[in-house]
PDB file of N, CA and C in Angstrom:
ATOM      1  N   MET A   1       0.848  -1.165   0.000  1.00  0.00           N
ATOM      2  CA  MET A   1       0.000   0.000   0.000  1.00  0.00           C
ATOM      3  C   MET A   1       0.900   1.236   0.000  1.00  0.00           C
ATOM      4  N   LEU A   2       0.522   2.259  -0.737  1.00  0.00           N
ATOM      5  CA  LEU A   2       1.271   3.519  -0.790  1.00  0.00           C
ATOM      6  C   LEU A   2       0.472   4.640  -0.151  1.00  0.00           C
ATOM      7  N   TYR A   3       1.159   5.466   0.618  1.00  0.00           N
ATOM      8  CA  TYR A   3       0.577   6.661   1.212  1.00  0.00           C
ATOM      9  C   TYR A   3       1.413   7.851   0.759  1.00  0.00           C
ATOM     10  N   TYR A   4       0.767   8.889   0.222  1.00  0.00           N
ATOM     11  CA  TYR A   4       1.462  10.082  -0.248  1.00  0.00           C
ATOM     12  C   TYR A   4       1.056  11.294   0.571  1.00  0.00           C
ATOM     13  N   LEU A   5       1.996  12.231   0.708  1.00  0.00           N
ATOM     14  CA  LEU A   5       1.707  13.539   1.274  1.00  0.00           C
ATOM     15  C   LEU A   5       1.673  14.554   0.141  1.00  0.00           C
ATOM     16  N   PRO A   6       0.983  15.677   0.317  1.00  0.00           N
ATOM     17  CA  PRO A   6       0.982  16.722  -0.709  1.00  0.00           C
ATOM     18  C   PRO A   6       2.385  17.287  -0.981  1.00  0.00           C
ATOM     19  N   THR A   7       3.309  17.067  -0.058  1.00  0.00           N
ATOM     20  CA  THR A   7       4.681  17.560  -0.211  1.00  0.00           C
ATOM     21  C   THR A   7       5.570  16.566  -0.951  1.00  0.00           C
ATOM     22  N   HIS A   8       4.981  15.517  -1.538  1.00  0.00           N
ATOM     23  CA  HIS A   8       5.635  14.549  -2.424  1.00  0.00           C
ATOM     24  C   HIS A   8       6.447  13.464  -1.727  1.00  0.00           C
ATOM     25  N   GLU A   9       6.332  13.300  -0.414  1.00  0.00           N
ATOM     26  CA  GLU A   9       6.907  12.139   0.249  1.00  0.00           C
ATOM     27  C   GLU A   9       5.885  11.010   0.173  1.00  0.00           C
ATOM     28  N   TYR A  10       6.385   9.768   0.189  1.00  0.00           N
ATOM     29  CA  TYR A  10       5.484   8.624   0.187  1.00  0.00           C
ATOM     30  C   TYR A  10       5.998   7.576   1.162  1.00  0.00           C
ATOM     31  N   ALA A  11       5.103   6.675   1.556  1.00  0.00           N
ATOM     32  CA  ALA A  11       5.479   5.499   2.339  1.00  0.00           C
ATOM     33  C   ALA A  11       4.886   4.290   1.641  1.00  0.00           C
ATOM     34  N   SER A  12       5.723   3.296   1.392  1.00  0.00           N
ATOM     35  CA  SER A  12       5.294   2.014   0.851  1.00  0.00           C
ATOM     36  C   SER A  12       5.278   1.039   2.018  1.00  0.00           C
ATOM     37  N   ILE A  13       4.110   0.489   2.333  1.00  0.00           N
ATOM     38  CA  ILE A  13       3.942  -0.376   3.501  1.00  0.00           C
ATOM     39  C   ILE A  13       3.901  -1.843   3.076  1.00  0.00           C
ATOM     40  N   GLU A  14       4.767  -2.655   3.715  1.00  0.00           N
ATOM     41  CA  GLU A  14       4.756  -4.105   3.544  1.00  0.00           C
ATOM     42  C   GLU A  14       4.902  -4.721   4.928  1.00  0.00           C
ATOM     43  N   GLY A  15       3.823  -5.309   5.418  1.00  0.00           N
ATOM     44  CA  GLY A  15       3.841  -5.875   6.770  1.00  0.00           C
ATOM     45  C   GLY A  15       4.050  -4.775   7.801  1.00  0.00           C
ATOM     46  N   ASN A  16       5.083  -4.922   8.646  1.00  0.00           N
ATOM     47  CA  ASN A  16       5.397  -3.919   9.670  1.00  0.00           C
ATOM     48  C   ASN A  16       6.478  -2.941   9.218  1.00  0.00           C
ATOM     49  N   THR A  17       6.805  -2.963   7.926  1.00  0.00           N
ATOM     50  CA  THR A  17       7.892  -2.131   7.419  1.00  0.00           C
ATOM     51  C   THR A  17       7.371  -1.083   6.452  1.00  0.00           C
ATOM     52  N   ALA A  18       7.799   0.146   6.658  1.00  0.00           N
ATOM     53  CA  ALA A  18       7.467   1.245   5.747  1.00  0.00           C
ATOM     54  C   ALA A  18       8.758   1.762   5.134  1.00  0.00           C
ATOM     55  N   THR A  19       8.759   1.886   3.820  1.00  0.00           N
ATOM     56  CA  THR A  19       9.871   2.498   3.116  1.00  0.00           C
ATOM     57  C   THR A  19       9.417   3.891   2.711  1.00  0.00           C
ATOM     58  N   ILE A  20      10.150   4.906   3.155  1.00  0.00           N
ATOM     59  CA  ILE A  20       9.780   6.289   2.878  1.00  0.00           C
ATOM     60  C   ILE A  20      10.699   6.837   1.798  1.00  0.00           C
ATOM     61  N   GLY A  21      10.111   7.553   0.854  1.00  0.00           N
ATOM     62  CA  GLY A  21      10.879   8.153  -0.225  1.00  0.00           C
ATOM     63  C   GLY A  21      10.195   9.405  -0.736  1.00  0.00           C
ATOM     64  N   ILE A  22      10.739   9.951  -1.817  1.00  0.00           N
ATOM     65  CA  ILE A  22      10.117  11.106  -2.449  1.00  0.00           C
ATOM     66  C   ILE A  22       9.601  10.687  -3.824  1.00  0.00           C
ATOM     67  N   SER A  23       8.589  11.389  -4.302  1.00  0.00           N
ATOM     68  CA  SER A  23       7.989  11.059  -5.592  1.00  0.00           C
ATOM     69  C   SER A  23       8.973  11.303  -6.729  1.00  0.00           C
ATOM     70  N   GLU A  24       8.698  10.682  -7.862  1.00  0.00           N
ATOM     71  CA  GLU A  24       9.529  10.886  -9.045  1.00  0.00           C
ATOM     72  C   GLU A  24       9.515  12.356  -9.458  1.00  0.00           C
ATOM     73  N   PHE A  25       8.351  13.005  -9.341  1.00  0.00           N
ATOM     74  CA  PHE A  25       8.251  14.429  -9.660  1.00  0.00           C
ATOM     75  C   PHE A  25       9.200  15.243  -8.790  1.00  0.00           C
ATOM     76  N   ALA A  26       9.192  15.001  -7.476  1.00  0.00           N
ATOM     77  CA  ALA A  26      10.066  15.743  -6.563  1.00  0.00           C
ATOM     78  C   ALA A  26      11.537  15.486  -6.887  1.00  0.00           C
ATOM     79  N   ALA A  27      11.863  14.244  -7.201  1.00  0.00           N
ATOM     80  CA  ALA A  27      13.246  13.910  -7.539  1.00  0.00           C
ATOM     81  C   ALA A  27      13.700  14.654  -8.791  1.00  0.00           C
ATOM     82  N   ARG A  28      12.833  14.732  -9.788  1.00  0.00           N
ATOM     83  CA  ARG A  28      13.185  15.468 -11.011  1.00  0.00           C
ATOM     84  C   ARG A  28      13.349  16.956 -10.719  1.00  0.00           C
ATOM     85  N   GLN A  29      12.495  17.503  -9.869  1.00  0.00           N
ATOM     86  CA  GLN A  29      12.575  18.928  -9.543  1.00  0.00           C
ATOM     87  C   GLN A  29      13.856  19.251  -8.769  1.00  0.00           C
ATOM     88  N   LEU A  30      14.263  18.355  -7.877  1.00  0.00           N
ATOM     89  CA  LEU A  30      15.470  18.589  -7.087  1.00  0.00           C
ATOM     90  C   LEU A  30      16.743  18.464  -7.912  1.00  0.00           C
ATOM     91  N   GLY A  31      16.768  17.545  -8.833  1.00  0.00           N
ATOM     92  CA  GLY A  31      17.996  17.306  -9.596  1.00  0.00           C
ATOM     93  C   GLY A  31      18.961  16.454  -8.784  1.00  0.00           C
ATOM     94  N   ASN A  32      20.243  16.740  -8.898  1.00  0.00           N
ATOM     95  CA  ASN A  32      21.273  15.952  -8.206  1.00  0.00           C
ATOM     96  C   ASN A  32      21.252  16.212  -6.708  1.00  0.00           C
ATOM     97  N   VAL A  33      20.939  15.168  -5.936  1.00  0.00           N
ATOM     98  CA  VAL A  33      20.906  15.277  -4.476  1.00  0.00           C
ATOM     99  C   VAL A  33      22.337  15.188  -3.944  1.00  0.00           C
ATOM    100  N   VAL A  34      22.692  16.128  -3.053  1.00  0.00           N
ATOM    101  CA  VAL A  34      24.050  16.158  -2.498  1.00  0.00           C
ATOM    102  C   VAL A  34      24.088  15.791  -1.019  1.00  0.00           C
ATOM    103  N   TYR A  35      22.931  15.825  -0.333  1.00  0.00           N
ATOM    104  CA  TYR A  35      22.920  15.532   1.100  1.00  0.00           C
ATOM    105  C   TYR A  35      21.506  15.170   1.536  1.00  0.00           C
ATOM    106  N   VAL A  36      21.393  14.164   2.420  1.00  0.00           N
ATOM    107  CA  VAL A  36      20.118  13.803   3.033  1.00  0.00           C
ATOM    108  C   VAL A  36      20.350  13.666   4.527  1.00  0.00           C
ATOM    109  N   ASP A  37      19.563  14.379   5.326  1.00  0.00           N
ATOM    110  CA  ASP A  37      19.630  14.316   6.786  1.00  0.00           C
ATOM    111  C   ASP A  37      18.496  13.417   7.258  1.00  0.00           C
ATOM    112  N   MET A  38      18.844  12.330   7.960  1.00  0.00           N
ATOM    113  CA  MET A  38      17.857  11.366   8.418  1.00  0.00           C
ATOM    114  C   MET A  38      17.911  11.248   9.942  1.00  0.00           C
ATOM    115  N   PRO A  39      16.823  10.764  10.558  1.00  0.00           N
ATOM    116  CA  PRO A  39      16.847  10.565  12.010  1.00  0.00           C
ATOM    117  C   PRO A  39      17.784   9.422  12.401  1.00  0.00           C
ATOM    118  N   GLU A  40      18.185   9.403  13.649  1.00  0.00           N
ATOM    119  CA  GLU A  40      19.021   8.328  14.184  1.00  0.00           C
ATOM    120  C   GLU A  40      18.189   7.056  14.342  1.00  0.00           C
ATOM    121  N   ALA A  41      18.862   5.909  14.436  1.00  0.00           N
ATOM    122  CA  ALA A  41      18.175   4.632  14.657  1.00  0.00           C
ATOM    123  C   ALA A  41      17.332   4.711  15.924  1.00  0.00           C
ATOM    124  N   ASP A  42      16.151   4.133  15.869  1.00  0.00           N
ATOM    125  CA  ASP A  42      15.168   4.087  16.966  1.00  0.00           C
ATOM    126  C   ASP A  42      14.510   5.421  17.277  1.00  0.00           C
ATOM    127  N   ASP A  43      14.785   6.479  16.506  1.00  0.00           N
ATOM    128  CA  ASP A  43      14.048   7.736  16.666  1.00  0.00           C
ATOM    129  C   ASP A  43      12.624   7.550  16.159  1.00  0.00           C
ATOM    130  N   ASP A  44      11.676   8.182  16.807  1.00  0.00           N
ATOM    131  CA  ASP A  44      10.290   8.144  16.368  1.00  0.00           C
ATOM    132  C   ASP A  44      10.055   9.185  15.282  1.00  0.00           C
ATOM    133  N   VAL A  45       9.198   8.847  14.328  1.00  0.00           N
ATOM    134  CA  VAL A  45       8.720   9.812  13.342  1.00  0.00           C
ATOM    135  C   VAL A  45       7.206   9.878  13.478  1.00  0.00           C
ATOM    136  N   THR A  46       6.647  11.046  13.237  1.00  0.00           N
ATOM    137  CA  THR A  46       5.214  11.262  13.399  1.00  0.00           C
ATOM    138  C   THR A  46       4.617  11.734  12.085  1.00  0.00           C
ATOM    139  N   LYS A  47       3.514  11.144  11.713  1.00  0.00           N
ATOM    140  CA  LYS A  47       2.840  11.476  10.463  1.00  0.00           C
ATOM    141  C   LYS A  47       2.631  12.983  10.348  1.00  0.00           C
ATOM    142  N   GLY A  48       3.062  13.547   9.215  1.00  0.00           N
ATOM    143  CA  GLY A  48       2.863  14.966   8.940  1.00  0.00           C
ATOM    144  C   GLY A  48       3.924  15.887   9.508  1.00  0.00           C
ATOM    145  N   GLU A  49       4.822  15.357  10.338  1.00  0.00           N
ATOM    146  CA  GLU A  49       5.868  16.192  10.933  1.00  0.00           C
ATOM    147  C   GLU A  49       7.194  15.972  10.212  1.00  0.00           C
ATOM    148  N   ASP A  50       8.056  16.994  10.245  1.00  0.00           N
ATOM    149  CA  ASP A  50       9.349  16.849   9.575  1.00  0.00           C
ATOM    150  C   ASP A  50      10.250  15.901  10.354  1.00  0.00           C
ATOM    151  N   PHE A  51      11.053  15.145   9.611  1.00  0.00           N
ATOM    152  CA  PHE A  51      11.958  14.181  10.236  1.00  0.00           C
ATOM    153  C   PHE A  51      13.364  14.260   9.662  1.00  0.00           C
ATOM    154  N   GLY A  52      13.578  15.106   8.694  1.00  0.00           N
ATOM    155  CA  GLY A  52      14.889  15.228   8.076  1.00  0.00           C
ATOM    156  C   GLY A  52      14.866  16.280   6.994  1.00  0.00           C
ATOM    157  N   ALA A  53      15.901  16.284   6.170  1.00  0.00           N
ATOM    158  CA  ALA A  53      16.001  17.259   5.089  1.00  0.00           C
ATOM    159  C   ALA A  53      16.723  16.631   3.910  1.00  0.00           C
ATOM    160  N   ILE A  54      16.475  17.197   2.739  1.00  0.00           N
ATOM    161  CA  ILE A  54      17.154  16.762   1.524  1.00  0.00           C
ATOM    162  C   ILE A  54      17.668  18.012   0.815  1.00  0.00           C
ATOM    163  N   GLU A  55      18.914  17.949   0.357  1.00  0.00           N
ATOM    164  CA  GLU A  55      19.521  19.085  -0.331  1.00  0.00           C
ATOM    165  C   GLU A  55      20.029  18.643  -1.691  1.00  0.00           C
ATOM    166  N   SER A  56      19.840  19.497  -2.669  1.00  0.00           N
ATOM    167  CA  SER A  56      20.358  19.248  -4.007  1.00  0.00           C
ATOM    168  C   SER A  56      21.137  20.471  -4.457  1.00  0.00           C
ATOM    169  N   VAL A  57      21.672  20.401  -5.650  1.00  0.00           N
ATOM    170  CA  VAL A  57      22.386  21.559  -6.174  1.00  0.00           C
ATOM    171  C   VAL A  57      21.427  22.707  -6.461  1.00  0.00           C
ATOM    172  N   LYS A  58      20.115  22.411  -6.557  1.00  0.00           N
ATOM    173  CA  LYS A  58      19.099  23.425  -6.858  1.00  0.00           C
ATOM    174  C   LYS A  58      18.402  23.982  -5.624  1.00  0.00           C
ATOM    175  N   ALA A  59      18.162  23.143  -4.609  1.00  0.00           N
ATOM    176  CA  ALA A  59      17.310  23.561  -3.494  1.00  0.00           C
ATOM    177  C   ALA A  59      17.525  22.672  -2.272  1.00  0.00           C
ATOM    178  N   ALA A  60      16.973  23.119  -1.154  1.00  0.00           N
ATOM    179  CA  ALA A  60      16.942  22.320   0.078  1.00  0.00           C
ATOM    180  C   ALA A  60      15.489  22.261   0.538  1.00  0.00           C
ATOM    181  N   SER A  61      15.105  21.126   1.121  1.00  0.00           N
ATOM    182  CA  SER A  61      13.723  20.959   1.539  1.00  0.00           C
ATOM    183  C   SER A  61      13.647  20.055   2.756  1.00  0.00           C
ATOM    184  N   ASP A  62      12.709  20.353   3.661  1.00  0.00           N
ATOM    185  CA  ASP A  62      12.436  19.462   4.774  1.00  0.00           C
ATOM    186  C   ASP A  62      11.724  18.222   4.240  1.00  0.00           C
ATOM    187  N   LEU A  63      11.908  17.097   4.947  1.00  0.00           N
ATOM    188  CA  LEU A  63      11.194  15.860   4.637  1.00  0.00           C
ATOM    189  C   LEU A  63      10.134  15.636   5.707  1.00  0.00           C
ATOM    190  N   TYR A  64       8.921  15.282   5.295  1.00  0.00           N
ATOM    191  CA  TYR A  64       7.810  15.043   6.210  1.00  0.00           C
ATOM    192  C   TYR A  64       7.403  13.585   6.130  1.00  0.00           C
ATOM    193  N   SER A  65       7.052  13.015   7.270  1.00  0.00           N
ATOM    194  CA  SER A  65       6.713  11.604   7.317  1.00  0.00           C
ATOM    195  C   SER A  65       5.244  11.369   6.961  1.00  0.00           C
ATOM    196  N   PRO A  66       4.978  10.455   6.018  1.00  0.00           N
ATOM    197  CA  PRO A  66       3.602  10.116   5.687  1.00  0.00           C
ATOM    198  C   PRO A  66       2.965   9.141   6.682  1.00  0.00           C
ATOM    199  N   VAL A  67       3.767   8.581   7.591  1.00  0.00           N
ATOM    200  CA  VAL A  67       3.283   7.625   8.591  1.00  0.00           C
ATOM    201  C   VAL A  67       3.999   7.866   9.916  1.00  0.00           C
ATOM    202  N   SER A  68       3.474   7.291  10.984  1.00  0.00           N
ATOM    203  CA  SER A  68       4.127   7.349  12.292  1.00  0.00           C
ATOM    204  C   SER A  68       4.801   6.020  12.597  1.00  0.00           C
ATOM    205  N   GLY A  69       5.901   6.073  13.328  1.00  0.00           N
ATOM    206  CA  GLY A  69       6.602   4.853  13.722  1.00  0.00           C
ATOM    207  C   GLY A  69       7.999   5.177  14.187  1.00  0.00           C
ATOM    208  N   ASP A  70       8.855   4.139  14.328  1.00  0.00           N
ATOM    209  CA  ASP A  70      10.245   4.390  14.697  1.00  0.00           C
ATOM    210  C   ASP A  70      11.164   3.880  13.608  1.00  0.00           C
ATOM    211  N   ARG A  71      12.276   4.553  13.478  1.00  0.00           N
ATOM    212  CA  ARG A  71      13.243   4.227  12.434  1.00  0.00           C
ATOM    213  C   ARG A  71      14.138   3.102  12.929  1.00  0.00           C
ATOM    214  N   LYS A  72      14.181   2.019  12.179  1.00  0.00           N
ATOM    215  CA  LYS A  72      15.032   0.884  12.532  1.00  0.00           C
ATOM    216  C   LYS A  72      16.308   0.866  11.713  1.00  0.00           C
ATOM    217  N   SER A  73      16.237   1.221  10.437  1.00  0.00           N
ATOM    218  CA  SER A  73      17.426   1.184   9.586  1.00  0.00           C
ATOM    219  C   SER A  73      17.213   2.035   8.348  1.00  0.00           C
ATOM    220  N   VAL A  74      18.283   2.301   7.644  1.00  0.00           N
ATOM    221  CA  VAL A  74      18.233   3.006   6.367  1.00  0.00           C
ATOM    222  C   VAL A  74      18.862   2.112   5.328  1.00  0.00           C
ATOM    223  N   VAL A  75      18.189   1.961   4.218  1.00  0.00           N
ATOM    224  CA  VAL A  75      18.734   1.155   3.123  1.00  0.00           C
ATOM    225  C   VAL A  75      18.974   2.046   1.946  1.00  0.00           C
TER     226      VAL A  75
END
């Protein structure tokens, strides 16, 4: 199942695992990404609240979580 926010973040849910990313549109608008700030392991994220940032050669933007939960790992 996919959940999207109006700010172009999405969560793909499989069982108890959510993979969070940005839409293809947002990726094209950002261009080359140079930095991503993510929460530490076991940090909680809350639906609709910012949890990190993404920076490209064109712009910087906060990342908002489409779901609530805790971060276990980054792949």
